[in-house]
PDB file of N, CA and C in Angstrom:
ATOM      1  N   MET A   1       0.905  -1.227  -0.028  1.00  0.00           N
ATOM      2  CA  MET A   1       0.096  -0.080   0.011  1.00  0.00           C
ATOM      3  C   MET A   1       0.904   1.190  -0.029  1.00  0.00           C
ATOM      4  N   LEU A   2       1.834   1.323   0.861  1.00  0.00           N
ATOM      5  CA  LEU A   2       2.727   2.471   0.955  1.00  0.00           C
ATOM      6  C   LEU A   2       3.479   2.752  -0.412  1.00  0.00           C
ATOM      7  N   LEU A   3       3.951   1.631  -0.988  1.00  0.00           N
ATOM      8  CA  LEU A   3       4.579   1.737  -2.198  1.00  0.00           C
ATOM      9  C   LEU A   3       3.660   2.275  -3.314  1.00  0.00           C
ATOM     10  N   GLU A   4       2.384   1.813  -3.337  1.00  0.00           N
ATOM     11  CA  GLU A   4       1.475   2.371  -4.298  1.00  0.00           C
ATOM     12  C   GLU A   4       1.228   3.913  -4.049  1.00  0.00           C
ATOM     13  N   ILE A   5       1.179   4.356  -2.908  1.00  0.00           N
ATOM     14  CA  ILE A   5       0.927   5.824  -2.625  1.00  0.00           C
ATOM     15  C   ILE A   5       2.106   6.546  -3.237  1.00  0.00           C
ATOM     16  N   PHE A   6       3.344   6.119  -2.731  1.00  0.00           N
ATOM     17  CA  PHE A   6       4.531   6.839  -3.284  1.00  0.00           C
ATOM     18  C   PHE A   6       4.667   6.712  -4.822  1.00  0.00           C
ATOM     19  N   LYS A   7       4.364   5.663  -5.398  1.00  0.00           N
ATOM     20  CA  LYS A   7       4.411   5.491  -6.791  1.00  0.00           C
ATOM     21  C   LYS A   7       3.414   6.393  -7.443  1.00  0.00           C
ATOM     22  N   TYR A   8       2.245   6.523  -7.008  1.00  0.00           N
ATOM     23  CA  TYR A   8       1.223   7.361  -7.579  1.00  0.00           C
ATOM     24  C   TYR A   8       1.787   8.823  -7.592  1.00  0.00           C
ATOM     25  N   CYS A   9       2.294   9.230  -6.370  1.00  0.00           N
ATOM     26  CA  CYS A   9       2.780  10.591  -6.289  1.00  0.00           C
ATOM     27  C   CYS A   9       3.926  10.838  -7.285  1.00  0.00           C
ATOM     28  N   TYR A  10       4.791   9.940  -7.381  1.00  0.00           N
ATOM     29  CA  TYR A  10       5.921  10.068  -8.270  1.00  0.00           C
ATOM     30  C   TYR A  10       5.440  10.160  -9.771  1.00  0.00           C
ATOM     31  N   GLU A  11       4.491   9.203 -10.160  1.00  0.00           N
ATOM     32  CA  GLU A  11       3.934   9.227 -11.467  1.00  0.00           C
ATOM     33  C   GLU A  11       3.055  10.501 -11.812  1.00  0.00           C
ATOM     34  N   TYR A  12       2.399  11.008 -10.864  1.00  0.00           N
ATOM     35  CA  TYR A  12       1.663  12.152 -10.963  1.00  0.00           C
ATOM     36  C   TYR A  12       2.521  13.348 -11.353  1.00  0.00           C
ATOM     37  N   SER A  13       3.582  13.573 -10.564  1.00  0.00           N
ATOM     38  CA  SER A  13       4.414  14.623 -10.743  1.00  0.00           C
ATOM     39  C   SER A  13       5.290  14.463 -11.993  1.00  0.00           C
ATOM     40  N   PHE A  14       5.571  13.273 -12.366  1.00  0.00           N
ATOM     41  CA  PHE A  14       6.286  13.061 -13.685  1.00  0.00           C
ATOM     42  C   PHE A  14       5.404  13.294 -14.883  1.00  0.00           C
ATOM     43  N   ILE A  15       4.180  12.825 -14.838  1.00  0.00           N
ATOM     44  CA  ILE A  15       3.292  13.025 -16.034  1.00  0.00           C
ATOM     45  C   ILE A  15       2.744  14.365 -16.144  1.00  0.00           C
ATOM     46  N   THR A  16       2.456  15.043 -15.106  1.00  0.00           N
ATOM     47  CA  THR A  16       1.757  16.366 -15.204  1.00  0.00           C
ATOM     48  C   THR A  16       2.894  17.468 -15.231  1.00  0.00           C
ATOM     49  N   GLY A  17       4.022  17.215 -14.629  1.00  0.00           N
ATOM     50  CA  GLY A  17       4.968  18.115 -14.648  1.00  0.00           C
ATOM     51  C   GLY A  17       4.816  19.029 -13.424  1.00  0.00           C
ATOM     52  N   GLU A  18       3.826  18.697 -12.576  1.00  0.00           N
ATOM     53  CA  GLU A  18       3.548  19.630 -11.470  1.00  0.00           C
ATOM     54  C   GLU A  18       4.376  19.216 -10.251  1.00  0.00           C
ATOM     55  N   ASN A  19       4.663  20.116  -9.464  1.00  0.00           N
ATOM     56  CA  ASN A  19       5.537  19.861  -8.222  1.00  0.00           C
ATOM     57  C   ASN A  19       4.432  19.579  -7.123  1.00  0.00           C
ATOM     58  N   MET A  20       4.615  18.471  -6.542  1.00  0.00           N
ATOM     59  CA  MET A  20       3.654  17.984  -5.522  1.00  0.00           C
ATOM     60  C   MET A  20       4.067  18.492  -4.117  1.00  0.00           C
ATOM     61  N   TYR A  21       5.169  19.195  -4.021  1.00  0.00           N
ATOM     62  CA  TYR A  21       5.586  19.642  -2.742  1.00  0.00           C
ATOM     63  C   TYR A  21       5.375  21.150  -2.606  1.00  0.00           C
ATOM     64  N   ALA A  22       5.141  21.665  -1.414  1.00  0.00           N
ATOM     65  CA  ALA A  22       5.132  23.081  -1.212  1.00  0.00           C
ATOM     66  C   ALA A  22       6.561  23.660  -1.336  1.00  0.00           C
ATOM     67  N   LYS A  23       6.704  24.901  -1.744  1.00  0.00           N
ATOM     68  CA  LYS A  23       8.077  25.483  -1.946  1.00  0.00           C
ATOM     69  C   LYS A  23       9.016  25.276  -0.859  1.00  0.00           C
ATOM     70  N   GLU A  24       8.490  25.357   0.334  1.00  0.00           N
ATOM     71  CA  GLU A  24       9.334  25.267   1.561  1.00  0.00           C
ATOM     72  C   GLU A  24       9.750  23.798   1.805  1.00  0.00           C
ATOM     73  N   VAL A  25       9.101  22.893   1.048  1.00  0.00           N
ATOM     74  CA  VAL A  25       9.550  21.411   1.200  1.00  0.00           C
ATOM     75  C   VAL A  25      10.343  20.875   0.049  1.00  0.00           C
ATOM     76  N   GLU A  26      10.177  21.784  -1.030  1.00  0.00           N
ATOM     77  CA  GLU A  26      10.729  21.317  -2.327  1.00  0.00           C
ATOM     78  C   GLU A  26      12.062  20.816  -2.340  1.00  0.00           C
ATOM     79  N   ASN A  27      13.039  21.327  -1.777  1.00  0.00           N
ATOM     80  CA  ASN A  27      14.354  20.978  -1.912  1.00  0.00           C
ATOM     81  C   ASN A  27      14.994  20.635  -0.533  1.00  0.00           C
ATOM     82  N   THR A  28      14.198  19.987   0.360  1.00  0.00           N
ATOM     83  CA  THR A  28      14.562  19.668   1.645  1.00  0.00           C
ATOM     84  C   THR A  28      15.187  18.314   1.718  1.00  0.00           C
ATOM     85  N   ASP A  29      15.808  17.992   2.932  1.00  0.00           N
ATOM     86  CA  ASP A  29      16.314  16.576   3.146  1.00  0.00           C
ATOM     87  C   ASP A  29      15.076  15.644   3.265  1.00  0.00           C
ATOM     88  N   LEU A  30      13.835  16.209   3.732  1.00  0.00           N
ATOM     89  CA  LEU A  30      12.679  15.382   3.904  1.00  0.00           C
ATOM     90  C   LEU A  30      12.248  14.871   2.484  1.00  0.00           C
ATOM     91  N   LYS A  31      12.284  15.823   1.554  1.00  0.00           N
ATOM     92  CA  LYS A  31      11.938  15.286   0.129  1.00  0.00           C
ATOM     93  C   LYS A  31      12.907  14.229  -0.379  1.00  0.00           C
ATOM     94  N   LYS A  32      14.202  14.458  -0.165  1.00  0.00           N
ATOM     95  CA  LYS A  32      15.233  13.605  -0.490  1.00  0.00           C
ATOM     96  C   LYS A  32      15.009  12.187   0.010  1.00  0.00           C
ATOM     97  N   ALA A  33      14.592  12.252   1.373  1.00  0.00           N
ATOM     98  CA  ALA A  33      14.416  10.899   2.005  1.00  0.00           C
ATOM     99  C   ALA A  33      13.233  10.251   1.441  1.00  0.00           C
ATOM    100  N   ARG A  34      12.019  10.936   1.159  1.00  0.00           N
ATOM    101  CA  ARG A  34      10.869  10.350   0.607  1.00  0.00           C
ATOM    102  C   ARG A  34      11.185   9.837  -0.800  1.00  0.00           C
ATOM    103  N   GLN A  35      11.913  10.500  -1.608  1.00  0.00           N
ATOM    104  CA  GLN A  35      12.312  10.049  -2.918  1.00  0.00           C
ATOM    105  C   GLN A  35      13.163   8.761  -2.790  1.00  0.00           C
ATOM    106  N   SER A  36      14.075   8.790  -1.898  1.00  0.00           N
ATOM    107  CA  SER A  36      14.932   7.677  -1.650  1.00  0.00           C
ATOM    108  C   SER A  36      14.107   6.394  -1.152  1.00  0.00           C
ATOM    109  N   LEU A  37      13.071   6.687  -0.374  1.00  0.00           N
ATOM    110  CA  LEU A  37      12.223   5.578   0.078  1.00  0.00           C
ATOM    111  C   LEU A  37      11.578   5.012  -1.121  1.00  0.00           C
ATOM    112  N   ILE A  38      10.971   5.864  -1.973  1.00  0.00           N
ATOM    113  CA  ILE A  38      10.415   5.354  -3.256  1.00  0.00           C
ATOM    114  C   ILE A  38      11.346   4.481  -4.001  1.00  0.00           C
ATOM    115  N   GLU A  39      12.528   4.952  -4.142  1.00  0.00           N
ATOM    116  CA  GLU A  39      13.479   4.178  -5.045  1.00  0.00           C
ATOM    117  C   GLU A  39      13.820   2.751  -4.272  1.00  0.00           C
ATOM    118  N   GLU A  40      13.928   2.804  -3.017  1.00  0.00           N
ATOM    119  CA  GLU A  40      14.360   1.630  -2.312  1.00  0.00           C
ATOM    120  C   GLU A  40      13.224   0.572  -2.382  1.00  0.00           C
ATOM    121  N   LEU A  41      11.860   1.061  -2.336  1.00  0.00           N
ATOM    122  CA  LEU A  41      10.808   0.143  -2.423  1.00  0.00           C
ATOM    123  C   LEU A  41      10.626  -0.348  -3.848  1.00  0.00           C
ATOM    124  N   GLU A  42      10.921   0.507  -4.818  1.00  0.00           N
ATOM    125  CA  GLU A  42      11.020  -0.027  -6.195  1.00  0.00           C
ATOM    126  C   GLU A  42      12.077  -1.173  -6.396  1.00  0.00           C
ATOM    127  N   ALA A  43      13.224  -0.842  -5.840  1.00  0.00           N
ATOM    128  CA  ALA A  43      14.374  -1.840  -5.870  1.00  0.00           C
ATOM    129  C   ALA A  43      13.883  -3.198  -5.248  1.00  0.00           C
ATOM    130  N   VAL A  44      13.157  -3.196  -4.206  1.00  0.00           N
ATOM    131  CA  VAL A  44      12.613  -4.404  -3.618  1.00  0.00           C
ATOM    132  C   VAL A  44      11.806  -5.158  -4.593  1.00  0.00           C
ATOM    133  N   ASN A  45      10.863  -4.445  -5.345  1.00  0.00           N
ATOM    134  CA  ASN A  45      10.036  -4.991  -6.381  1.00  0.00           C
ATOM    135  C   ASN A  45      10.952  -5.680  -7.516  1.00  0.00           C
ATOM    136  N   TRP A  46      11.904  -4.870  -7.938  1.00  0.00           N
ATOM    137  CA  TRP A  46      12.756  -5.364  -9.013  1.00  0.00           C
ATOM    138  C   TRP A  46      13.354  -6.684  -8.588  1.00  0.00           C
ATOM    139  N   TYR A  47      13.954  -6.661  -7.421  1.00  0.00           N
ATOM    140  CA  TYR A  47      14.641  -7.894  -6.896  1.00  0.00           C
ATOM    141  C   TYR A  47      13.599  -9.005  -6.869  1.00  0.00           C
ATOM    142  N   GLU A  48      12.488  -8.817  -6.353  1.00  0.00           N
ATOM    143  CA  GLU A  48      11.358  -9.827  -6.273  1.00  0.00           C
ATOM    144  C   GLU A  48      11.136 -10.492  -7.618  1.00  0.00           C
ATOM    145  N   THR A  49      10.997  -9.542  -8.574  1.00  0.00           N
ATOM    146  CA  THR A  49      10.712 -10.085 -10.104  1.00  0.00           C
ATOM    147  C   THR A  49      11.944 -10.822 -10.465  1.00  0.00           C
ATOM    148  N   ARG A  50      13.135 -10.387 -10.250  1.00  0.00           N
ATOM    149  CA  ARG A  50      14.292 -11.148 -10.818  1.00  0.00           C
ATOM    150  C   ARG A  50      14.374 -12.457 -10.079  1.00  0.00           C
ATOM    151  N   LEU A  51      14.165 -12.483  -8.868  1.00  0.00           N
ATOM    152  CA  LEU A  51      14.240 -13.648  -7.944  1.00  0.00           C
ATOM    153  C   LEU A  51      13.264 -14.659  -8.341  1.00  0.00           C
ATOM    154  N   ALA A  52      11.971 -14.289  -8.731  1.00  0.00           N
ATOM    155  CA  ALA A  52      10.966 -15.179  -9.216  1.00  0.00           C
ATOM    156  C   ALA A  52      11.368 -15.780 -10.585  1.00  0.00           C
ATOM    157  N   GLU A  53      12.071 -15.083 -11.416  1.00  0.00           N
ATOM    158  CA  GLU A  53      12.436 -15.610 -12.660  1.00  0.00           C
ATOM    159  C   GLU A  53      13.853 -16.347 -12.753  1.00  0.00           C
ATOM    160  N   ALA A  54      14.558 -16.226 -11.859  1.00  0.00           N
ATOM    161  CA  ALA A  54      15.959 -16.690 -11.754  1.00  0.00           C
ATOM    162  C   ALA A  54      15.828 -18.278 -11.638  1.00  0.00           C
ATOM    163  N   LYS A  55      16.771 -18.992 -12.383  1.00  0.00           N
ATOM    164  CA  LYS A  55      16.886 -20.468 -12.225  1.00  0.00           C
ATOM    165  C   LYS A  55      17.990 -20.955 -11.387  1.00  0.00           C
ATOM    166  N   ASP A  56      19.073 -20.293 -11.453  1.00  0.00           N
ATOM    167  CA  ASP A  56      20.307 -20.549 -10.724  1.00  0.00           C
ATOM    168  C   ASP A  56      20.141 -20.283  -9.195  1.00  0.00           C
ATOM    169  N   GLU A  57      20.327 -21.307  -8.335  1.00  0.00           N
ATOM    170  CA  GLU A  57      20.062 -21.225  -6.915  1.00  0.00           C
ATOM    171  C   GLU A  57      20.972 -20.186  -6.277  1.00  0.00           C
ATOM    172  N   LYS A  58      22.295 -20.201  -6.770  1.00  0.00           N
ATOM    173  CA  LYS A  58      23.218 -19.243  -6.128  1.00  0.00           C
ATOM    174  C   LYS A  58      22.817 -17.854  -6.531  1.00  0.00           C
ATOM    175  N   LEU A  59      22.395 -17.679  -7.702  1.00  0.00           N
ATOM    176  CA  LEU A  59      21.889 -16.317  -8.097  1.00  0.00           C
ATOM    177  C   LEU A  59      20.604 -15.830  -7.248  1.00  0.00           C
ATOM    178  N   LYS A  60      19.787 -16.904  -6.984  1.00  0.00           N
ATOM    179  CA  LYS A  60      18.603 -16.609  -6.279  1.00  0.00           C
ATOM    180  C   LYS A  60      18.975 -16.118  -4.776  1.00  0.00           C
ATOM    181  N   LYS A  61      19.999 -16.697  -4.187  1.00  0.00           N
ATOM    182  CA  LYS A  61      20.506 -16.326  -2.824  1.00  0.00           C
ATOM    183  C   LYS A  61      21.013 -14.989  -2.890  1.00  0.00           C
ATOM    184  N   ILE A  62      21.754 -14.536  -3.939  1.00  0.00           N
ATOM    185  CA  ILE A  62      22.263 -13.249  -4.035  1.00  0.00           C
ATOM    186  C   ILE A  62      21.164 -12.207  -4.175  1.00  0.00           C
ATOM    187  N   LEU A  63      20.300 -12.526  -5.109  1.00  0.00           N
ATOM    188  CA  LEU A  63      19.044 -11.550  -5.276  1.00  0.00           C
ATOM    189  C   LEU A  63      18.211 -11.365  -3.986  1.00  0.00           C
ATOM    190  N   ALA A  64      18.032 -12.469  -3.344  1.00  0.00           N
ATOM    191  CA  ALA A  64      17.279 -12.457  -1.990  1.00  0.00           C
ATOM    192  C   ALA A  64      17.982 -11.552  -1.046  1.00  0.00           C
ATOM    193  N   HIS A  65      19.353 -11.722  -0.907  1.00  0.00           N
ATOM    194  CA  HIS A  65      20.232 -10.950  -0.084  1.00  0.00           C
ATOM    195  C   HIS A  65      20.141  -9.432  -0.478  1.00  0.00           C
ATOM    196  N   ASN A  66      20.187  -9.179  -1.743  1.00  0.00           N
ATOM    197  CA  ASN A  66      20.055  -7.693  -2.124  1.00  0.00           C
ATOM    198  C   ASN A  66      18.686  -7.246  -1.900  1.00  0.00           C
ATOM    199  N   ARG A  67      17.711  -7.945  -2.100  1.00  0.00           N
ATOM    200  CA  ARG A  67      16.296  -7.519  -1.845  1.00  0.00           C
ATOM    201  C   ARG A  67      16.246  -7.221  -0.279  1.00  0.00           C
ATOM    202  N   ASP A  68      16.723  -8.038   0.484  1.00  0.00           N
ATOM    203  CA  ASP A  68      16.627  -7.852   1.982  1.00  0.00           C
ATOM    204  C   ASP A  68      17.328  -6.486   2.483  1.00  0.00           C
ATOM    205  N   GLU A  69      18.374  -6.282   1.693  1.00  0.00           N
ATOM    206  CA  GLU A  69      19.165  -5.008   1.975  1.00  0.00           C
ATOM    207  C   GLU A  69      18.408  -3.782   1.760  1.00  0.00           C
ATOM    208  N   GLU A  70      17.626  -3.899   0.481  1.00  0.00           N
ATOM    209  CA  GLU A  70      16.868  -2.771   0.075  1.00  0.00           C
ATOM    210  C   GLU A  70      15.691  -2.494   1.161  1.00  0.00           C
ATOM    211  N   LYS A  71      15.157  -3.615   1.670  1.00  0.00           N
ATOM    212  CA  LYS A  71      14.204  -3.553   2.791  1.00  0.00           C
ATOM    213  C   LYS A  71      14.700  -2.834   3.947  1.00  0.00           C
ATOM    214  N   GLU A  72      15.916  -3.165   4.330  1.00  0.00           N
ATOM    215  CA  GLU A  72      16.607  -2.441   5.492  1.00  0.00           C
ATOM    216  C   GLU A  72      16.760  -0.965   5.192  1.00  0.00           C
ATOM    217  N   HIS A  73      17.217  -0.706   3.989  1.00  0.00           N
ATOM    218  CA  HIS A  73      17.401   0.722   3.574  1.00  0.00           C
ATOM    219  C   HIS A  73      15.968   1.490   3.830  1.00  0.00           C
ATOM    220  N   ALA A  74      14.907   0.892   3.284  1.00  0.00           N
ATOM    221  CA  ALA A  74      13.606   1.441   3.276  1.00  0.00           C
ATOM    222  C   ALA A  74      13.164   1.635   4.879  1.00  0.00           C
ATOM    223  N   ALA A  75      13.465   0.607   5.727  1.00  0.00           N
ATOM    224  CA  ALA A  75      13.111   0.912   7.066  1.00  0.00           C
ATOM    225  C   ALA A  75      13.982   1.933   7.726  1.00  0.00           C
ATOM    226  N   MET A  76      15.099   2.103   7.389  1.00  0.00           N
ATOM    227  CA  MET A  76      15.890   3.227   7.828  1.00  0.00           C
ATOM    228  C   MET A  76      15.382   4.564   7.448  1.00  0.00           C
ATOM    229  N   LEU A  77      15.008   4.604   6.209  1.00  0.00           N
ATOM    230  CA  LEU A  77      14.374   5.917   5.717  1.00  0.00           C
ATOM    231  C   LEU A  77      13.093   6.239   6.412  1.00  0.00           C
ATOM    232  N   ILE A  78      12.210   5.192   6.602  1.00  0.00           N
ATOM    233  CA  ILE A  78      10.911   5.410   7.258  1.00  0.00           C
ATOM    234  C   ILE A  78      11.133   5.911   8.584  1.00  0.00           C
ATOM    235  N   GLU A  79      12.191   5.316   9.346  1.00  0.00           N
ATOM    236  CA  GLU A  79      12.404   5.749  10.689  1.00  0.00           C
ATOM    237  C   GLU A  79      12.881   7.244  10.744  1.00  0.00           C
ATOM    238  N   TRP A  80      13.791   7.654   9.695  1.00  0.00           N
ATOM    239  CA  TRP A  80      14.235   8.847   9.713  1.00  0.00           C
ATOM    240  C   TRP A  80      13.085   9.873   9.382  1.00  0.00           C
ATOM    241  N   ILE A  81      12.286   9.529   8.438  1.00  0.00           N
ATOM    242  CA  ILE A  81      11.143  10.426   8.082  1.00  0.00           C
ATOM    243  C   ILE A  81      10.253  10.564   9.238  1.00  0.00           C
ATOM    244  N   ARG A  82       9.932   9.590  10.017  1.00  0.00           N
ATOM    245  CA  ARG A  82       9.128   9.704  11.226  1.00  0.00           C
ATOM    246  C   ARG A  82       9.759  10.604  12.185  1.00  0.00           C
ATOM    247  N   GLN A  83      11.093  10.662  12.410  1.00  0.00           N
ATOM    248  CA  GLN A  83      11.761  11.546  13.264  1.00  0.00           C
ATOM    249  C   GLN A  83      11.735  12.917  12.738  1.00  0.00           C
ATOM    250  N   ASN A  84      11.649  13.154  11.537  1.00  0.00           N
ATOM    251  CA  ASN A  84      11.765  14.553  11.082  1.00  0.00           C
ATOM    252  C   ASN A  84      10.488  15.080  10.412  1.00  0.00           C
ATOM    253  N   ASP A  85       9.411  14.416  10.454  1.00  0.00           N
ATOM    254  CA  ASP A  85       8.053  14.826   9.948  1.00  0.00           C
ATOM    255  C   ASP A  85       7.102  14.482  11.040  1.00  0.00           C
ATOM    256  N   PRO A  86       6.727  15.423  11.888  1.00  0.00           N
ATOM    257  CA  PRO A  86       5.908  15.047  13.042  1.00  0.00           C
ATOM    258  C   PRO A  86       4.405  14.539  12.524  1.00  0.00           C
ATOM    259  N   GLU A  87       3.969  15.121  11.416  1.00  0.00           N
ATOM    260  CA  GLU A  87       2.641  14.743  10.920  1.00  0.00           C
ATOM    261  C   GLU A  87       2.686  13.299  10.382  1.00  0.00           C
ATOM    262  N   GLN A  88       3.779  12.877   9.742  1.00  0.00           N
ATOM    263  CA  GLN A  88       3.818  11.621   9.248  1.00  0.00           C
ATOM    264  C   GLN A  88       4.019  10.686  10.462  1.00  0.00           C
ATOM    265  N   ASP A  89       4.774  10.933  11.422  1.00  0.00           N
ATOM    266  CA  ASP A  89       4.867  10.184  12.564  1.00  0.00           C
ATOM    267  C   ASP A  89       3.470   9.958  13.228  1.00  0.00           C
ATOM    268  N   ARG A  90       2.740  11.011  13.402  1.00  0.00           N
ATOM    269  CA  ARG A  90       1.424  10.927  13.993  1.00  0.00           C
ATOM    270  C   ARG A  90       0.540  10.049  13.171  1.00  0.00           C
ATOM    271  N   VAL A  91       0.564   9.938  11.892  1.00  0.00           N
ATOM    272  CA  VAL A  91      -0.191   9.132  11.040  1.00  0.00           C
ATOM    273  C   VAL A  91       0.261   7.634  11.275  1.00  0.00           C
ATOM    274  N   PHE A  92       1.519   7.369  11.320  1.00  0.00           N
ATOM    275  CA  PHE A  92       1.940   6.073  11.697  1.00  0.00           C
ATOM    276  C   PHE A  92       1.432   5.560  13.033  1.00  0.00           C
ATOM    277  N   LYS A  93       1.515   6.386  14.020  1.00  0.00           N
ATOM    278  CA  LYS A  93       0.968   6.008  15.411  1.00  0.00           C
ATOM    279  C   LYS A  93      -0.483   5.782  15.359  1.00  0.00           C
ATOM    280  N   GLU A  94      -1.254   6.569  14.611  1.00  0.00           N
ATOM    281  CA  GLU A  94      -2.647   6.409  14.691  1.00  0.00           C
ATOM    282  C   GLU A  94      -3.273   5.511  13.835  1.00  0.00           C
ATOM    283  N   HIS A  95      -2.565   5.087  12.752  1.00  0.00           N
ATOM    284  CA  HIS A  95      -3.015   4.071  11.730  1.00  0.00           C
ATOM    285  C   HIS A  95      -3.292   2.737  12.335  1.00  0.00           C
ATOM    286  N   ASP A  96      -4.417   2.129  11.986  1.00  0.00           N
ATOM    287  CA  ASP A  96      -4.908   0.739  12.544  1.00  0.00           C
ATOM    288  C   ASP A  96      -4.012  -0.330  11.882  1.00  0.00           C
TER     289      ASP A  96
END
């Protein structure tokens, strides 16, 4: 679900050329962290696809390892975002 939200935001801004961020957020570390999170989650999906299609067991282990590292990177970014965006942190805490 989170990936779909981020992907929608990315595609919307790419297709329309509109900036989805307020000017004060536009070039902040927070925006950089959010974009990095999008990219890490996309990388997880890429590795999942390659892993599903791979035949060689050694390659599958490497791809699984790389996928798991991307998940760790995503978790690190989510934690940083929560620490630096009080509203996002509130949503995480209140979400069922």
